[in-house]
PDB file of all heavy atoms in Angstrom:
ATOM      1  N   LEU A   1     -48.150  -9.269 301.399  1.00  0.00           N
ATOM      2  CA  LEU A   1     -46.816  -8.564 301.175  1.00  0.00           C
ATOM      3  C   LEU A   1     -46.105  -7.934 302.393  1.00  0.00           C
ATOM      4  O   LEU A   1     -45.034  -7.667 302.395  1.00  0.00           O
ATOM      5  CB  LEU A   1     -46.858  -7.642 300.025  1.00  0.00           C
ATOM      6  CG  LEU A   1     -47.179  -8.357 298.639  1.00  0.00           C
ATOM      7  CD1 LEU A   1     -47.370  -7.203 297.613  1.00  0.00           C
ATOM      8  CD2 LEU A   1     -45.994  -9.297 298.241  1.00  0.00           C
ATOM      9  N   LYS A   2     -47.074  -7.629 303.321  1.00  0.00           N
ATOM     10  CA  LYS A   2     -46.521  -7.015 304.627  1.00  0.00           C
ATOM     11  C   LYS A   2     -45.875  -7.958 305.660  1.00  0.00           C
ATOM     12  O   LYS A   2     -45.298  -7.690 306.496  1.00  0.00           O
ATOM     13  CB  LYS A   2     -47.661  -6.226 305.262  1.00  0.00           C
ATOM     14  CG  LYS A   2     -48.150  -5.013 304.504  1.00  0.00           C
ATOM     15  CD  LYS A   2     -49.300  -4.202 305.298  1.00  0.00           C
ATOM     16  CE  LYS A   2     -49.754  -3.133 304.439  1.00  0.00           C
ATOM     17  NZ  LYS A   2     -50.935  -2.418 305.004  1.00  0.00           N
ATOM     18  N   LEU A   3     -46.185  -9.310 305.324  1.00  0.00           N
ATOM     19  CA  LEU A   3     -45.705 -10.347 306.250  1.00  0.00           C
ATOM     20  C   LEU A   3     -44.327 -10.712 305.793  1.00  0.00           C
ATOM     21  O   LEU A   3     -43.854 -10.561 304.686  1.00  0.00           O
ATOM     22  CB  LEU A   3     -46.658 -11.538 306.193  1.00  0.00           C
ATOM     23  CG  LEU A   3     -48.099 -11.283 306.508  1.00  0.00           C
ATOM     24  CD1 LEU A   3     -48.798 -12.561 306.136  1.00  0.00           C
ATOM     25  CD2 LEU A   3     -48.092 -10.978 307.870  1.00  0.00           C
ATOM     26  N   ASN A   4     -43.626 -11.345 306.725  1.00  0.00           N
ATOM     27  CA  ASN A   4     -42.243 -11.738 306.495  1.00  0.00           C
ATOM     28  C   ASN A   4     -42.344 -12.993 305.487  1.00  0.00           C
ATOM     29  O   ASN A   4     -43.200 -13.840 305.704  1.00  0.00           O
ATOM     30  CB  ASN A   4     -41.512 -12.186 307.761  1.00  0.00           C
ATOM     31  CG  ASN A   4     -41.303 -11.006 308.713  1.00  0.00           C
ATOM     32  OD1 ASN A   4     -40.783 -10.062 308.102  1.00  0.00           O
ATOM     33  ND2 ASN A   4     -41.401 -11.181 309.996  1.00  0.00           N
ATOM     34  N   PRO A   5     -41.445 -12.999 304.491  1.00  0.00           N
ATOM     35  CA  PRO A   5     -41.401 -14.229 303.680  1.00  0.00           C
ATOM     36  C   PRO A   5     -41.100 -15.515 304.449  1.00  0.00           C
ATOM     37  O   PRO A   5     -40.477 -15.485 305.328  1.00  0.00           O
ATOM     38  CB  PRO A   5     -40.187 -13.841 302.612  1.00  0.00           C
ATOM     39  CG  PRO A   5     -40.038 -12.270 302.601  1.00  0.00           C
ATOM     40  CD  PRO A   5     -40.401 -11.994 304.103  1.00  0.00           C
ATOM     41  N   GLY A   6     -41.657 -16.504 303.929  1.00  0.00           N
ATOM     42  CA  GLY A   6     -41.525 -17.812 304.474  1.00  0.00           C
ATOM     43  C   GLY A   6     -42.719 -18.302 305.243  1.00  0.00           C
ATOM     44  O   GLY A   6     -43.805 -18.394 304.670  1.00  0.00           O
ATOM     45  N   VAL A   7     -42.390 -18.634 306.553  1.00  0.00           N
ATOM     46  CA  VAL A   7     -43.462 -19.342 307.304  1.00  0.00           C
ATOM     47  C   VAL A   7     -44.644 -18.358 307.568  1.00  0.00           C
ATOM     48  O   VAL A   7     -45.855 -18.836 307.360  1.00  0.00           O
ATOM     49  CB  VAL A   7     -42.827 -19.629 308.631  1.00  0.00           C
ATOM     50  CG1 VAL A   7     -43.988 -20.174 309.529  1.00  0.00           C
ATOM     51  CG2 VAL A   7     -41.743 -20.600 308.542  1.00  0.00           C
ATOM     52  N   GLU A   8     -44.497 -17.191 307.791  1.00  0.00           N
ATOM     53  CA  GLU A   8     -45.607 -16.192 307.917  1.00  0.00           C
ATOM     54  C   GLU A   8     -46.649 -16.107 306.772  1.00  0.00           C
ATOM     55  O   GLU A   8     -47.823 -16.233 306.924  1.00  0.00           O
ATOM     56  CB  GLU A   8     -45.057 -14.868 308.385  1.00  0.00           C
ATOM     57  CG  GLU A   8     -44.721 -14.594 309.791  1.00  0.00           C
ATOM     58  CD  GLU A   8     -44.377 -13.168 310.203  1.00  0.00           C
ATOM     59  OE1 GLU A   8     -44.934 -12.280 309.486  1.00  0.00           O
ATOM     60  OE2 GLU A   8     -43.558 -12.957 311.069  1.00  0.00           O
ATOM     61  N   ARG A   9     -45.933 -16.030 305.598  1.00  0.00           N
ATOM     62  CA  ARG A   9     -46.798 -15.930 304.321  1.00  0.00           C
ATOM     63  C   ARG A   9     -47.568 -17.192 304.152  1.00  0.00           C
ATOM     64  O   ARG A   9     -48.653 -17.307 303.637  1.00  0.00           O
ATOM     65  CB  ARG A   9     -45.946 -15.444 303.352  1.00  0.00           C
ATOM     66  CG  ARG A   9     -45.454 -14.067 303.407  1.00  0.00           C
ATOM     67  CD  ARG A   9     -44.693 -13.651 302.004  1.00  0.00           C
ATOM     68  NE  ARG A   9     -44.399 -12.247 302.217  1.00  0.00           N
ATOM     69  CZ  ARG A   9     -43.636 -11.529 301.240  1.00  0.00           C
ATOM     70  NH1 ARG A   9     -43.372 -12.068 300.070  1.00  0.00           N
ATOM     71  NH2 ARG A   9     -43.422 -10.275 301.355  1.00  0.00           N
ATOM     72  N   SER A  10     -46.761 -18.319 304.355  1.00  0.00           N
ATOM     73  CA  SER A  10     -47.422 -19.637 304.064  1.00  0.00           C
ATOM     74  C   SER A  10     -48.599 -19.845 305.046  1.00  0.00           C
ATOM     75  O   SER A  10     -49.680 -20.312 304.699  1.00  0.00           O
ATOM     76  CB  SER A  10     -46.408 -20.786 304.363  1.00  0.00           C
ATOM     77  OG  SER A  10     -45.334 -20.704 303.247  1.00  0.00           O
ATOM     78  N   GLU A  11     -48.398 -19.561 306.281  1.00  0.00           N
ATOM     79  CA  GLU A  11     -49.538 -19.731 307.239  1.00  0.00           C
ATOM     80  C   GLU A  11     -50.679 -18.796 306.974  1.00  0.00           C
ATOM     81  O   GLU A  11     -51.829 -19.224 307.099  1.00  0.00           O
ATOM     82  CB  GLU A  11     -48.943 -19.234 308.681  1.00  0.00           C
ATOM     83  CG  GLU A  11     -47.870 -20.311 309.413  1.00  0.00           C
ATOM     84  CD  GLU A  11     -47.467 -19.904 310.632  1.00  0.00           C
ATOM     85  OE1 GLU A  11     -47.557 -18.664 310.926  1.00  0.00           O
ATOM     86  OE2 GLU A  11     -46.894 -20.783 311.360  1.00  0.00           O
ATOM     87  N   TYR A  12     -50.384 -17.566 306.336  1.00  0.00           N
ATOM     88  CA  TYR A  12     -51.473 -16.773 306.033  1.00  0.00           C
ATOM     89  C   TYR A  12     -52.307 -17.261 304.877  1.00  0.00           C
ATOM     90  O   TYR A  12     -53.558 -17.279 304.924  1.00  0.00           O
ATOM     91  CB  TYR A  12     -50.896 -15.430 305.585  1.00  0.00           C
ATOM     92  CG  TYR A  12     -51.951 -14.424 304.956  1.00  0.00           C
ATOM     93  CD1 TYR A  12     -52.566 -13.562 305.879  1.00  0.00           C
ATOM     94  CD2 TYR A  12     -52.091 -14.263 303.664  1.00  0.00           C
ATOM     95  CE1 TYR A  12     -53.520 -12.646 305.383  1.00  0.00           C
ATOM     96  CE2 TYR A  12     -52.937 -13.411 303.147  1.00  0.00           C
ATOM     97  CZ  TYR A  12     -53.701 -12.532 303.996  1.00  0.00           C
ATOM     98  OH  TYR A  12     -54.641 -11.582 303.601  1.00  0.00           O
ATOM     99  N   LEU A  13     -51.677 -17.933 303.922  1.00  0.00           N
ATOM    100  CA  LEU A  13     -52.242 -18.558 302.879  1.00  0.00           C
ATOM    101  C   LEU A  13     -53.251 -19.774 303.252  1.00  0.00           C
ATOM    102  O   LEU A  13     -54.300 -19.915 302.888  1.00  0.00           O
ATOM    103  CB  LEU A  13     -51.186 -18.942 301.763  1.00  0.00           C
ATOM    104  CG  LEU A  13     -50.619 -17.826 300.925  1.00  0.00           C
ATOM    105  CD1 LEU A  13     -49.537 -18.419 300.033  1.00  0.00           C
ATOM    106  CD2 LEU A  13     -51.679 -16.949 300.226  1.00  0.00           C
ATOM    107  N   MET A  14     -52.669 -20.582 304.097  1.00  0.00           N
ATOM    108  CA  MET A  14     -53.198 -21.731 304.565  1.00  0.00           C
ATOM    109  C   MET A  14     -54.358 -21.385 305.579  1.00  0.00           C
ATOM    110  O   MET A  14     -55.457 -22.078 305.404  1.00  0.00           O
ATOM    111  CB  MET A  14     -52.316 -22.784 305.143  1.00  0.00           C
ATOM    112  CG  MET A  14     -51.446 -23.346 304.225  1.00  0.00           C
ATOM    113  SD  MET A  14     -50.414 -24.766 304.878  1.00  0.00           S
ATOM    114  CE  MET A  14     -49.189 -23.782 305.918  1.00  0.00           C
ATOM    115  N   ALA A  15     -54.278 -20.327 306.286  1.00  0.00           N
ATOM    116  CA  ALA A  15     -55.329 -19.906 307.108  1.00  0.00           C
ATOM    117  C   ALA A  15     -56.626 -19.361 306.343  1.00  0.00           C
ATOM    118  O   ALA A  15     -57.590 -19.510 306.722  1.00  0.00           O
ATOM    119  CB  ALA A  15     -54.877 -18.899 308.117  1.00  0.00           C
ATOM    120  N   ASN A  16     -56.309 -18.782 305.185  1.00  0.00           N
ATOM    121  CA  ASN A  16     -57.531 -18.191 304.468  1.00  0.00           C
ATOM    122  C   ASN A  16     -57.963 -19.209 303.327  1.00  0.00           C
ATOM    123  O   ASN A  16     -59.097 -19.018 302.867  1.00  0.00           O
ATOM    124  CB  ASN A  16     -57.033 -16.895 303.889  1.00  0.00           C
ATOM    125  CG  ASN A  16     -56.814 -15.809 304.881  1.00  0.00           C
ATOM    126  OD1 ASN A  16     -57.861 -15.385 305.352  1.00  0.00           O
ATOM    127  ND2 ASN A  16     -55.579 -15.408 305.231  1.00  0.00           N
ATOM    128  N   PHE A  17     -57.050 -20.092 302.806  1.00  0.00           N
ATOM    129  CA  PHE A  17     -57.391 -20.832 301.606  1.00  0.00           C
ATOM    130  C   PHE A  17     -57.167 -22.339 301.927  1.00  0.00           C
ATOM    131  O   PHE A  17     -57.167 -23.169 300.792  1.00  0.00           O
ATOM    132  CB  PHE A  17     -56.676 -20.414 300.389  1.00  0.00           C
ATOM    133  CG  PHE A  17     -56.835 -18.896 300.031  1.00  0.00           C
ATOM    134  CD1 PHE A  17     -55.974 -18.025 300.279  1.00  0.00           C
ATOM    135  CD2 PHE A  17     -58.040 -18.557 299.382  1.00  0.00           C
ATOM    136  CE1 PHE A  17     -56.217 -16.668 299.927  1.00  0.00           C
ATOM    137  CE2 PHE A  17     -58.310 -17.352 299.084  1.00  0.00           C
ATOM    138  CZ  PHE A  17     -57.392 -16.375 299.235  1.00  0.00           C
ATOM    139  N   GLY A  18     -56.983 -22.681 303.041  1.00  0.00           N
ATOM    140  CA  GLY A  18     -56.775 -24.082 303.414  1.00  0.00           C
ATOM    141  C   GLY A  18     -55.429 -24.739 302.857  1.00  0.00           C
ATOM    142  O   GLY A  18     -54.461 -23.940 302.496  1.00  0.00           O
ATOM    143  N   ARG A  19     -55.252 -26.027 302.915  1.00  0.00           N
ATOM    144  CA  ARG A  19     -54.092 -26.573 302.354  1.00  0.00           C
ATOM    145  C   ARG A  19     -53.612 -26.176 301.009  1.00  0.00           C
ATOM    146  O   ARG A  19     -52.472 -26.396 300.734  1.00  0.00           O
ATOM    147  CB  ARG A  19     -54.191 -28.228 302.462  1.00  0.00           C
ATOM    148  CG  ARG A  19     -54.269 -28.775 303.887  1.00  0.00           C
ATOM    149  CD  ARG A  19     -54.541 -30.114 303.956  1.00  0.00           C
ATOM    150  NE  ARG A  19     -55.670 -30.539 303.396  1.00  0.00           N
ATOM    151  CZ  ARG A  19     -56.209 -31.857 303.138  1.00  0.00           C
ATOM    152  NH1 ARG A  19     -55.364 -32.854 303.603  1.00  0.00           N
ATOM    153  NH2 ARG A  19     -57.260 -32.105 302.618  1.00  0.00           N
ATOM    154  N   THR A  20     -54.579 -25.836 300.165  1.00  0.00           N
ATOM    155  CA  THR A  20     -54.344 -25.412 298.761  1.00  0.00           C
ATOM    156  C   THR A  20     -53.921 -23.970 298.624  1.00  0.00           C
ATOM    157  O   THR A  20     -53.594 -23.633 297.556  1.00  0.00           O
ATOM    158  CB  THR A  20     -55.468 -25.758 297.827  1.00  0.00           C
ATOM    159  OG1 THR A  20     -56.520 -25.044 298.156  1.00  0.00           O
ATOM    160  CG2 THR A  20     -55.855 -27.104 297.921  1.00  0.00           C
ATOM    161  N   GLY A  21     -53.857 -23.253 299.741  1.00  0.00           N
ATOM    162  CA  GLY A  21     -53.592 -21.908 299.728  1.00  0.00           C
ATOM    163  C   GLY A  21     -52.249 -21.457 299.084  1.00  0.00           C
ATOM    164  O   GLY A  21     -52.117 -20.417 298.428  1.00  0.00           O
ATOM    165  N   THR A  22     -51.162 -22.352 299.333  1.00  0.00           N
ATOM    166  CA  THR A  22     -49.899 -21.992 298.802  1.00  0.00           C
ATOM    167  C   THR A  22     -49.945 -22.031 297.320  1.00  0.00           C
ATOM    168  O   THR A  22     -48.945 -21.423 296.744  1.00  0.00           O
ATOM    169  CB  THR A  22     -48.842 -22.935 299.407  1.00  0.00           C
ATOM    170  OG1 THR A  22     -49.289 -24.379 299.016  1.00  0.00           O
ATOM    171  CG2 THR A  22     -48.685 -22.858 300.770  1.00  0.00           C
ATOM    172  N   ASP A  23     -50.803 -22.564 296.685  1.00  0.00           N
ATOM    173  CA  ASP A  23     -50.936 -22.650 295.102  1.00  0.00           C
ATOM    174  C   ASP A  23     -51.075 -21.177 294.654  1.00  0.00           C
ATOM    175  O   ASP A  23     -50.872 -20.818 293.565  1.00  0.00           O
ATOM    176  CB  ASP A  23     -52.139 -23.402 294.731  1.00  0.00           C
ATOM    177  CG  ASP A  23     -51.733 -24.889 294.819  1.00  0.00           C
ATOM    178  OD1 ASP A  23     -50.566 -25.270 294.980  1.00  0.00           O
ATOM    179  OD2 ASP A  23     -52.788 -25.684 294.936  1.00  0.00           O
ATOM    180  N   LEU A  24     -51.711 -20.254 295.542  1.00  0.00           N
ATOM    181  CA  LEU A  24     -51.968 -18.866 295.185  1.00  0.00           C
ATOM    182  C   LEU A  24     -50.759 -17.918 295.473  1.00  0.00           C
ATOM    183  O   LEU A  24     -51.027 -16.716 295.344  1.00  0.00           O
ATOM    184  CB  LEU A  24     -53.249 -18.390 295.961  1.00  0.00           C
ATOM    185  CG  LEU A  24     -54.553 -19.186 295.610  1.00  0.00           C
ATOM    186  CD1 LEU A  24     -55.711 -18.466 296.322  1.00  0.00           C
ATOM    187  CD2 LEU A  24     -54.671 -19.377 294.125  1.00  0.00           C
ATOM    188  N   ALA A  25     -49.690 -18.513 295.890  1.00  0.00           N
ATOM    189  CA  ALA A  25     -48.545 -17.666 296.420  1.00  0.00           C
ATOM    190  C   ALA A  25     -48.211 -16.677 295.226  1.00  0.00           C
ATOM    191  O   ALA A  25     -47.883 -15.408 295.551  1.00  0.00           O
ATOM    192  CB  ALA A  25     -47.461 -18.464 296.779  1.00  0.00           C
ATOM    193  N   ARG A  26     -48.122 -17.101 293.983  1.00  0.00           N
ATOM    194  CA  ARG A  26     -47.626 -16.315 292.937  1.00  0.00           C
ATOM    195  C   ARG A  26     -48.637 -15.114 292.711  1.00  0.00           C
ATOM    196  O   ARG A  26     -48.244 -14.059 292.239  1.00  0.00           O
ATOM    197  CB  ARG A  26     -47.426 -17.106 291.697  1.00  0.00           C
ATOM    198  CG  ARG A  26     -46.026 -17.835 291.593  1.00  0.00           C
ATOM    199  CD  ARG A  26     -46.015 -18.944 290.665  1.00  0.00           C
ATOM    200  NE  ARG A  26     -46.897 -20.128 290.924  1.00  0.00           N
ATOM    201  CZ  ARG A  26     -46.977 -21.175 290.139  1.00  0.00           C
ATOM    202  NH1 ARG A  26     -46.281 -21.261 289.034  1.00  0.00           N
ATOM    203  NH2 ARG A  26     -47.717 -22.229 290.594  1.00  0.00           N
ATOM    204  N   ILE A  27     -49.857 -15.429 292.941  1.00  0.00           N
ATOM    205  CA  ILE A  27     -50.825 -14.231 292.814  1.00  0.00           C
ATOM    206  C   ILE A  27     -50.651 -13.289 293.933  1.00  0.00           C
ATOM    207  O   ILE A  27     -50.729 -12.048 293.690  1.00  0.00           O
ATOM    208  CB  ILE A  27     -52.217 -14.881 292.688  1.00  0.00           C
ATOM    209  CG1 ILE A  27     -52.350 -15.721 291.505  1.00  0.00           C
ATOM    210  CG2 ILE A  27     -53.278 -13.669 292.648  1.00  0.00           C
ATOM    211  CD1 ILE A  27     -53.728 -16.441 291.380  1.00  0.00           C
ATOM    212  N   MET A  28     -50.526 -13.848 295.124  1.00  0.00           N
ATOM    213  CA  MET A  28     -50.467 -13.028 296.233  1.00  0.00           C
ATOM    214  C   MET A  28     -49.304 -12.084 296.291  1.00  0.00           C
ATOM    215  O   MET A  28     -49.119 -11.048 296.855  1.00  0.00           O
ATOM    216  CB  MET A  28     -50.385 -13.756 297.513  1.00  0.00           C
ATOM    217  CG  MET A  28     -51.788 -14.477 297.856  1.00  0.00           C
ATOM    218  SD  MET A  28     -53.083 -13.452 298.341  1.00  0.00           S
ATOM    219  CE  MET A  28     -54.144 -13.398 296.932  1.00  0.00           C
ATOM    220  N   GLU A  29     -48.242 -12.409 295.560  1.00  0.00           N
ATOM    221  CA  GLU A  29     -46.983 -11.656 295.445  1.00  0.00           C
ATOM    222  C   GLU A  29     -47.154 -10.484 294.524  1.00  0.00           C
ATOM    223  O   GLU A  29     -46.166  -9.672 294.433  1.00  0.00           O
ATOM    224  CB  GLU A  29     -45.815 -12.574 294.953  1.00  0.00           C
ATOM    225  CG  GLU A  29     -45.457 -13.550 296.079  1.00  0.00           C
ATOM    226  CD  GLU A  29     -44.419 -14.677 295.435  1.00  0.00           C
ATOM    227  OE1 GLU A  29     -44.126 -14.571 294.234  1.00  0.00           O
ATOM    228  OE2 GLU A  29     -44.152 -15.576 296.143  1.00  0.00           O
ATOM    229  N   LEU A  30     -48.307 -10.367 293.771  1.00  0.00           N
ATOM    230  CA  LEU A  30     -48.371  -9.326 292.794  1.00  0.00           C
ATOM    231  C   LEU A  30     -48.733  -7.899 293.461  1.00  0.00           C
ATOM    232  O   LEU A  30     -48.323  -6.793 292.991  1.00  0.00           O
ATOM    233  CB  LEU A  30     -49.541  -9.616 291.783  1.00  0.00           C
ATOM    234  CG  LEU A  30     -49.195 -10.857 290.845  1.00  0.00           C
ATOM    235  CD1 LEU A  30     -50.447 -11.274 290.130  1.00  0.00           C
ATOM    236  CD2 LEU A  30     -48.061 -10.491 289.872  1.00  0.00           C
ATOM    237  N   GLY A  31     -49.564  -7.870 294.387  1.00  0.00           N
ATOM    238  CA  GLY A  31     -49.975  -6.636 295.003  1.00  0.00           C
ATOM    239  C   GLY A  31     -51.313  -6.211 294.342  1.00  0.00           C
ATOM    240  O   GLY A  31     -51.664  -6.701 293.235  1.00  0.00           O
ATOM    241  N   SER A  32     -52.129  -5.390 294.992  1.00  0.00           N
ATOM    242  CA  SER A  32     -53.497  -5.063 294.458  1.00  0.00           C
ATOM    243  C   SER A  32     -53.483  -4.410 293.214  1.00  0.00           C
ATOM    244  O   SER A  32     -54.340  -4.720 292.393  1.00  0.00           O
ATOM    245  CB  SER A  32     -54.277  -4.248 295.589  1.00  0.00           C
ATOM    246  OG  SER A  32     -53.525  -3.026 295.880  1.00  0.00           O
ATOM    247  N   ALA A  33     -52.594  -3.564 293.125  1.00  0.00           N
ATOM    248  CA  ALA A  33     -52.489  -2.634 291.864  1.00  0.00           C
ATOM    249  C   ALA A  33     -52.267  -3.594 290.620  1.00  0.00           C
ATOM    250  O   ALA A  33     -53.007  -3.357 289.552  1.00  0.00           O
ATOM    251  CB  ALA A  33     -51.456  -1.600 291.882  1.00  0.00           C
ATOM    252  N   LYS A  34     -51.280  -4.455 290.691  1.00  0.00           N
ATOM    253  CA  LYS A  34     -51.065  -5.289 289.483  1.00  0.00           C
ATOM    254  C   LYS A  34     -52.247  -6.325 289.350  1.00  0.00           C
ATOM    255  O   LYS A  34     -52.473  -6.556 288.091  1.00  0.00           O
ATOM    256  CB  LYS A  34     -49.673  -6.016 289.849  1.00  0.00           C
ATOM    257  CG  LYS A  34     -49.220  -6.909 288.686  1.00  0.00           C
ATOM    258  CD  LYS A  34     -48.856  -6.098 287.523  1.00  0.00           C
ATOM    259  CE  LYS A  34     -48.385  -6.961 286.289  1.00  0.00           C
ATOM    260  NZ  LYS A  34     -48.094  -6.112 285.090  1.00  0.00           N
ATOM    261  N   ILE A  35     -52.761  -6.811 290.376  1.00  0.00           N
ATOM    262  CA  ILE A  35     -53.859  -7.829 290.131  1.00  0.00           C
ATOM    263  C   ILE A  35     -55.065  -7.078 289.412  1.00  0.00           C
ATOM    264  O   ILE A  35     -55.541  -7.736 288.468  1.00  0.00           O
ATOM    265  CB  ILE A  35     -54.487  -8.285 291.533  1.00  0.00           C
ATOM    266  CG1 ILE A  35     -53.308  -9.357 292.065  1.00  0.00           C
ATOM    267  CG2 ILE A  35     -55.685  -9.103 291.421  1.00  0.00           C
ATOM    268  CD1 ILE A  35     -53.507  -9.783 293.427  1.00  0.00           C
ATOM    269  N   GLY A  36     -55.352  -5.842 289.972  1.00  0.00           N
ATOM    270  CA  GLY A  36     -56.377  -5.094 289.262  1.00  0.00           C
ATOM    271  C   GLY A  36     -56.077  -4.919 287.815  1.00  0.00           C
ATOM    272  O   GLY A  36     -56.951  -4.955 286.958  1.00  0.00           O
TER     273      GLY A  36
END
């Protein structure tokens, strides 16, 4: 969430979760408090 929306966030997801990383975007948009 500290990254700029768009390319930066997509690159972050793919760097950490591979090509399927963008599938987790909706979860990543929640923040730690909401996920917990």
